[in-house]
Amino acid sequence: MVETLTVSAGEGRYLVDLLTSFTDEGLVCQLYGGERPHVGAVVLSLPRPSLQNPNETSCNSSVLPMLGHKEDELAKPIAEKLAKSFQQPVVLVAGIHIDHATGEEIKILVNHCWQVVDKLLNLKEKERLTPAK
């Protein structure tokens, strides 16, 4: 059985949603927001023991950005944070857009992206969310 959970931050044109499906072998996440949610980048992050310290977790990540998009710069660290936290592979699709966004608006959206990640991780701690086994 696949459980799906959605967490949100912000409102209006600054709304960001993180939809996460917990599968038998990892998480499938969709990070959307702004005025035009879309596919801007896709990331696959695989957690593994760190090469420098086997007691820590690192990730191997593959990133596929859409031409002309910058979501990959945010999607990769988010996917890696989730993969490390859940100790499971993570696929993340990200697409956030506001027409003619100012630097301040981009900062707001980025902040909301990290807020939804924190909300998901806080739920993980409270409700012991894990991929289905």
C-alpha atoms as a PDB file:
ATOM      1  CA  MET A   1       0.000   0.000   0.000  1.00  0.00           C
ATOM      2  CA  VAL A   2       1.268   3.477  -0.890  1.00  0.00           C
ATOM      3  CA  GLU A   3       0.623   6.230   1.633  1.00  0.00           C
ATOM      4  CA  THR A   4       0.628   9.807   0.346  1.00  0.00           C
ATOM      5  CA  LEU A   5       1.063  12.898   2.465  1.00  0.00           C
ATOM      6  CA  THR A   6       0.959  16.596   1.523  1.00  0.00           C
ATOM      7  CA  VAL A   7       2.498  19.438   3.513  1.00  0.00           C
ATOM      8  CA  SER A   8       2.274  23.126   2.568  1.00  0.00           C
ATOM      9  CA  ALA A   9       3.809  26.479   3.423  1.00  0.00           C
ATOM     10  CA  GLY A  10       2.891  29.999   2.371  1.00  0.00           C
ATOM     11  CA  GLU A  11      -0.222  31.222   0.665  1.00  0.00           C
ATOM     12  CA  GLY A  12      -1.390  32.670  -2.614  1.00  0.00           C
ATOM     13  CA  ARG A  13       1.366  33.024  -5.171  1.00  0.00           C
ATOM     14  CA  TYR A  14       3.904  31.993  -2.512  1.00  0.00           C
ATOM     15  CA  LEU A  15       2.224  28.657  -1.715  1.00  0.00           C
ATOM     16  CA  VAL A  16       4.528  25.639  -1.883  1.00  0.00           C
ATOM     17  CA  ASP A  17       3.285  22.040  -1.611  1.00  0.00           C
ATOM     18  CA  LEU A  18       5.332  18.906  -1.024  1.00  0.00           C
ATOM     19  CA  LEU A  19       3.425  15.746  -1.954  1.00  0.00           C
ATOM     20  CA  THR A  20       5.193  12.596  -0.783  1.00  0.00           C
ATOM     21  CA  SER A  21       4.247   9.017  -1.631  1.00  0.00           C
ATOM     22  CA  PHE A  22       5.806   6.354   0.574  1.00  0.00           C
ATOM     23  CA  THR A  23       6.379   3.246  -1.539  1.00  0.00           C
ATOM     24  CA  ASP A  24       7.827  -0.142  -0.598  1.00  0.00           C
ATOM     25  CA  GLU A  25      11.284   0.950  -1.752  1.00  0.00           C
ATOM     26  CA  GLY A  26      11.531   4.711  -1.320  1.00  0.00           C
ATOM     27  CA  LEU A  27       9.833   8.069  -1.535  1.00  0.00           C
ATOM     28  CA  VAL A  28       8.358   9.767  -4.590  1.00  0.00           C
ATOM     29  CA  CYS A  29       8.093  13.510  -3.941  1.00  0.00           C
ATOM     30  CA  GLN A  30       6.549  16.389  -5.861  1.00  0.00           C
ATOM     31  CA  LEU A  31       7.574  19.927  -4.892  1.00  0.00           C
ATOM     32  CA  TYR A  32       5.354  22.501  -6.574  1.00  0.00           C
ATOM     33  CA  GLY A  33       4.503  26.114  -6.045  1.00  0.00           C
ATOM     34  CA  GLY A  34       4.098  29.660  -7.207  1.00  0.00           C
ATOM     35  CA  GLU A  35       1.767  30.703  -9.975  1.00  0.00           C
ATOM     36  CA  ARG A  36       2.633  27.895 -12.375  1.00  0.00           C
ATOM     37  CA  PRO A  37       3.597  24.515 -10.892  1.00  0.00           C
ATOM     38  CA  HIS A  38       5.459  22.440 -13.475  1.00  0.00           C
ATOM     39  CA  VAL A  39       8.295  19.983 -14.061  1.00  0.00           C
ATOM     40  CA  GLY A  40      11.496  22.007 -13.730  1.00  0.00           C
ATOM     41  CA  ALA A  41      13.905  19.348 -12.494  1.00  0.00           C
ATOM     42  CA  VAL A  42      14.006  15.714 -11.449  1.00  0.00           C
ATOM     43  CA  VAL A  43      16.404  14.280  -8.875  1.00  0.00           C
ATOM     44  CA  LEU A  44      17.118  10.709  -7.788  1.00  0.00           C
ATOM     45  CA  SER A  45      19.048  10.521  -4.504  1.00  0.00           C
ATOM     46  CA  LEU A  46      20.364   7.243  -3.137  1.00  0.00           C
ATOM     47  CA  PRO A  47      21.601   7.270   0.472  1.00  0.00           C
ATOM     48  CA  ARG A  48      24.857   5.460   1.232  1.00  0.00           C
ATOM     49  CA  PRO A  49      27.578   5.441   3.910  1.00  0.00           C
ATOM     50  CA  SER A  50      29.877   8.455   3.613  1.00  0.00           C
ATOM     51  CA  LEU A  51      33.254   7.702   2.042  1.00  0.00           C
ATOM     52  CA  GLN A  52      34.962   9.907   4.625  1.00  0.00           C
ATOM     53  CA  ASN A  53      33.083   8.627   7.663  1.00  0.00           C
ATOM     54  CA  PRO A  54      31.075   5.386   7.307  1.00  0.00           C
ATOM     55  CA  ASN A  55      29.066   6.362  10.406  1.00  0.00           C
ATOM     56  CA  GLU A  56      27.540   9.253   8.450  1.00  0.00           C
ATOM     57  CA  THR A  57      25.193   9.128   5.496  1.00  0.00           C
ATOM     58  CA  SER A  58      25.883  10.723   2.146  1.00  0.00           C
ATOM     59  CA  CYS A  59      24.084  10.411  -1.189  1.00  0.00           C
ATOM     60  CA  ASN A  60      24.682   9.666  -4.821  1.00  0.00           C
ATOM     61  CA  SER A  61      22.344  11.923  -6.772  1.00  0.00           C
ATOM     62  CA  SER A  62      21.424  12.222 -10.411  1.00  0.00           C
ATOM     63  CA  VAL A  63      19.891  15.528 -11.477  1.00  0.00           C
ATOM     64  CA  LEU A  64      17.957  16.269 -14.670  1.00  0.00           C
ATOM     65  CA  PRO A  65      17.057  19.956 -15.023  1.00  0.00           C
ATOM     66  CA  MET A  66      14.748  21.173 -17.745  1.00  0.00           C
ATOM     67  CA  LEU A  67      16.501  23.553 -20.120  1.00  0.00           C
ATOM     68  CA  GLY A  68      16.324  27.108 -18.790  1.00  0.00           C
ATOM     69  CA  HIS A  69      15.110  26.104 -15.321  1.00  0.00           C
ATOM     70  CA  LYS A  70      16.914  26.449 -11.998  1.00  0.00           C
ATOM     71  CA  GLU A  71      14.881  24.156  -9.741  1.00  0.00           C
ATOM     72  CA  ASP A  72      17.783  21.676  -9.728  1.00  0.00           C
ATOM     73  CA  GLU A  73      19.767  24.008  -7.445  1.00  0.00           C
ATOM     74  CA  LEU A  74      17.119  23.540  -4.753  1.00  0.00           C
ATOM     75  CA  ALA A  75      15.815  20.076  -5.644  1.00  0.00           C
ATOM     76  CA  LYS A  76      19.160  18.284  -5.168  1.00  0.00           C
ATOM     77  CA  PRO A  77      19.818  19.353  -1.560  1.00  0.00           C
ATOM     78  CA  ILE A  78      16.181  18.744  -0.648  1.00  0.00           C
ATOM     79  CA  ALA A  79      16.163  15.241  -2.174  1.00  0.00           C
ATOM     80  CA  GLU A  80      19.430  14.440  -0.411  1.00  0.00           C
ATOM     81  CA  LYS A  81      18.154  15.682   2.945  1.00  0.00           C
ATOM     82  CA  LEU A  82      15.060  13.493   2.603  1.00  0.00           C
ATOM     83  CA  ALA A  83      17.066  10.453   1.451  1.00  0.00           C
ATOM     84  CA  LYS A  84      19.432  10.771   4.417  1.00  0.00           C
ATOM     85  CA  SER A  85      16.619  11.287   6.901  1.00  0.00           C
ATOM     86  CA  PHE A  86      14.455   8.407   5.701  1.00  0.00           C
ATOM     87  CA  GLN A  87      17.418   6.197   4.704  1.00  0.00           C
ATOM     88  CA  GLN A  88      15.564   5.436   1.480  1.00  0.00           C
ATOM     89  CA  PRO A  89      15.911   6.368  -2.192  1.00  0.00           C
ATOM     90  CA  VAL A  90      14.101   9.588  -3.065  1.00  0.00           C
ATOM     91  CA  VAL A  91      12.787  10.760  -6.424  1.00  0.00           C
ATOM     92  CA  LEU A  92      11.904  14.456  -6.368  1.00  0.00           C
ATOM     93  CA  VAL A  93      10.182  16.414  -9.124  1.00  0.00           C
ATOM     94  CA  ALA A  94      10.320  20.172  -8.581  1.00  0.00           C
ATOM     95  CA  GLY A  95       8.640  23.043 -10.377  1.00  0.00           C
ATOM     96  CA  ILE A  96       8.047  26.465  -8.833  1.00  0.00           C
ATOM     97  CA  HIS A  97       7.405  29.617 -10.836  1.00  0.00           C
ATOM     98  CA  ILE A  98       6.293  33.219 -10.436  1.00  0.00           C
ATOM     99  CA  ASP A  99       6.365  35.435 -13.523  1.00  0.00           C
ATOM    100  CA  HIS A 100       9.070  38.098 -13.270  1.00  0.00           C
ATOM    101  CA  ALA A 101       9.949  37.063  -9.696  1.00  0.00           C
ATOM    102  CA  THR A 102      12.114  39.492  -7.765  1.00  0.00           C
ATOM    103  CA  GLY A 103      15.047  38.351  -5.687  1.00  0.00           C
ATOM    104  CA  GLU A 104      12.944  38.800  -2.560  1.00  0.00           C
ATOM    105  CA  GLU A 105      10.122  36.663  -3.993  1.00  0.00           C
ATOM    106  CA  ILE A 106      12.596  33.907  -4.853  1.00  0.00           C
ATOM    107  CA  LYS A 107      13.903  34.000  -1.273  1.00  0.00           C
ATOM    108  CA  ILE A 108      10.328  33.666   0.031  1.00  0.00           C
ATOM    109  CA  LEU A 109       9.664  30.638  -2.196  1.00  0.00           C
ATOM    110  CA  VAL A 110      12.972  28.986  -1.279  1.00  0.00           C
ATOM    111  CA  ASN A 111      12.197  29.536   2.393  1.00  0.00           C
ATOM    112  CA  HIS A 112       8.776  27.941   1.920  1.00  0.00           C
ATOM    113  CA  CYS A 113      10.405  24.958   0.200  1.00  0.00           C
ATOM    114  CA  TRP A 114      12.616  24.342   3.224  1.00  0.00           C
ATOM    115  CA  GLN A 115       9.624  24.862   5.534  1.00  0.00           C
ATOM    116  CA  VAL A 116       7.704  22.022   3.856  1.00  0.00           C
ATOM    117  CA  VAL A 117      10.749  19.770   4.152  1.00  0.00           C
ATOM    118  CA  ASP A 118      10.981  20.585   7.858  1.00  0.00           C
ATOM    119  CA  LYS A 119       7.242  19.926   8.281  1.00  0.00           C
ATOM    120  CA  LEU A 120       7.593  16.506   6.635  1.00  0.00           C
ATOM    121  CA  LEU A 121      10.596  15.631   8.797  1.00  0.00           C
ATOM    122  CA  ASN A 122       8.775  16.797  11.949  1.00  0.00           C
ATOM    123  CA  LEU A 123       5.853  14.538  11.008  1.00  0.00           C
ATOM    124  CA  LYS A 124       8.333  11.704  10.451  1.00  0.00           C
ATOM    125  CA  GLU A 125       9.551  12.109  14.023  1.00  0.00           C
ATOM    126  CA  LYS A 126       6.051  12.418  15.505  1.00  0.00           C
ATOM    127  CA  GLU A 127       4.285   9.749  13.479  1.00  0.00           C
ATOM    128  CA  ARG A 128       7.220   7.520  12.558  1.00  0.00           C
ATOM    129  CA  LEU A 129       6.574   7.902   8.844  1.00  0.00           C
ATOM    130  CA  THR A 130       8.505   5.369   6.814  1.00  0.00           C
ATOM    131  CA  PRO A 131       8.147   3.770   3.408  1.00  0.00           C
ATOM    132  CA  ALA A 132       5.761   0.810   3.422  1.00  0.00           C
ATOM    133  CA  LYS A 133       7.343  -2.572   4.076  1.00  0.00           C
END
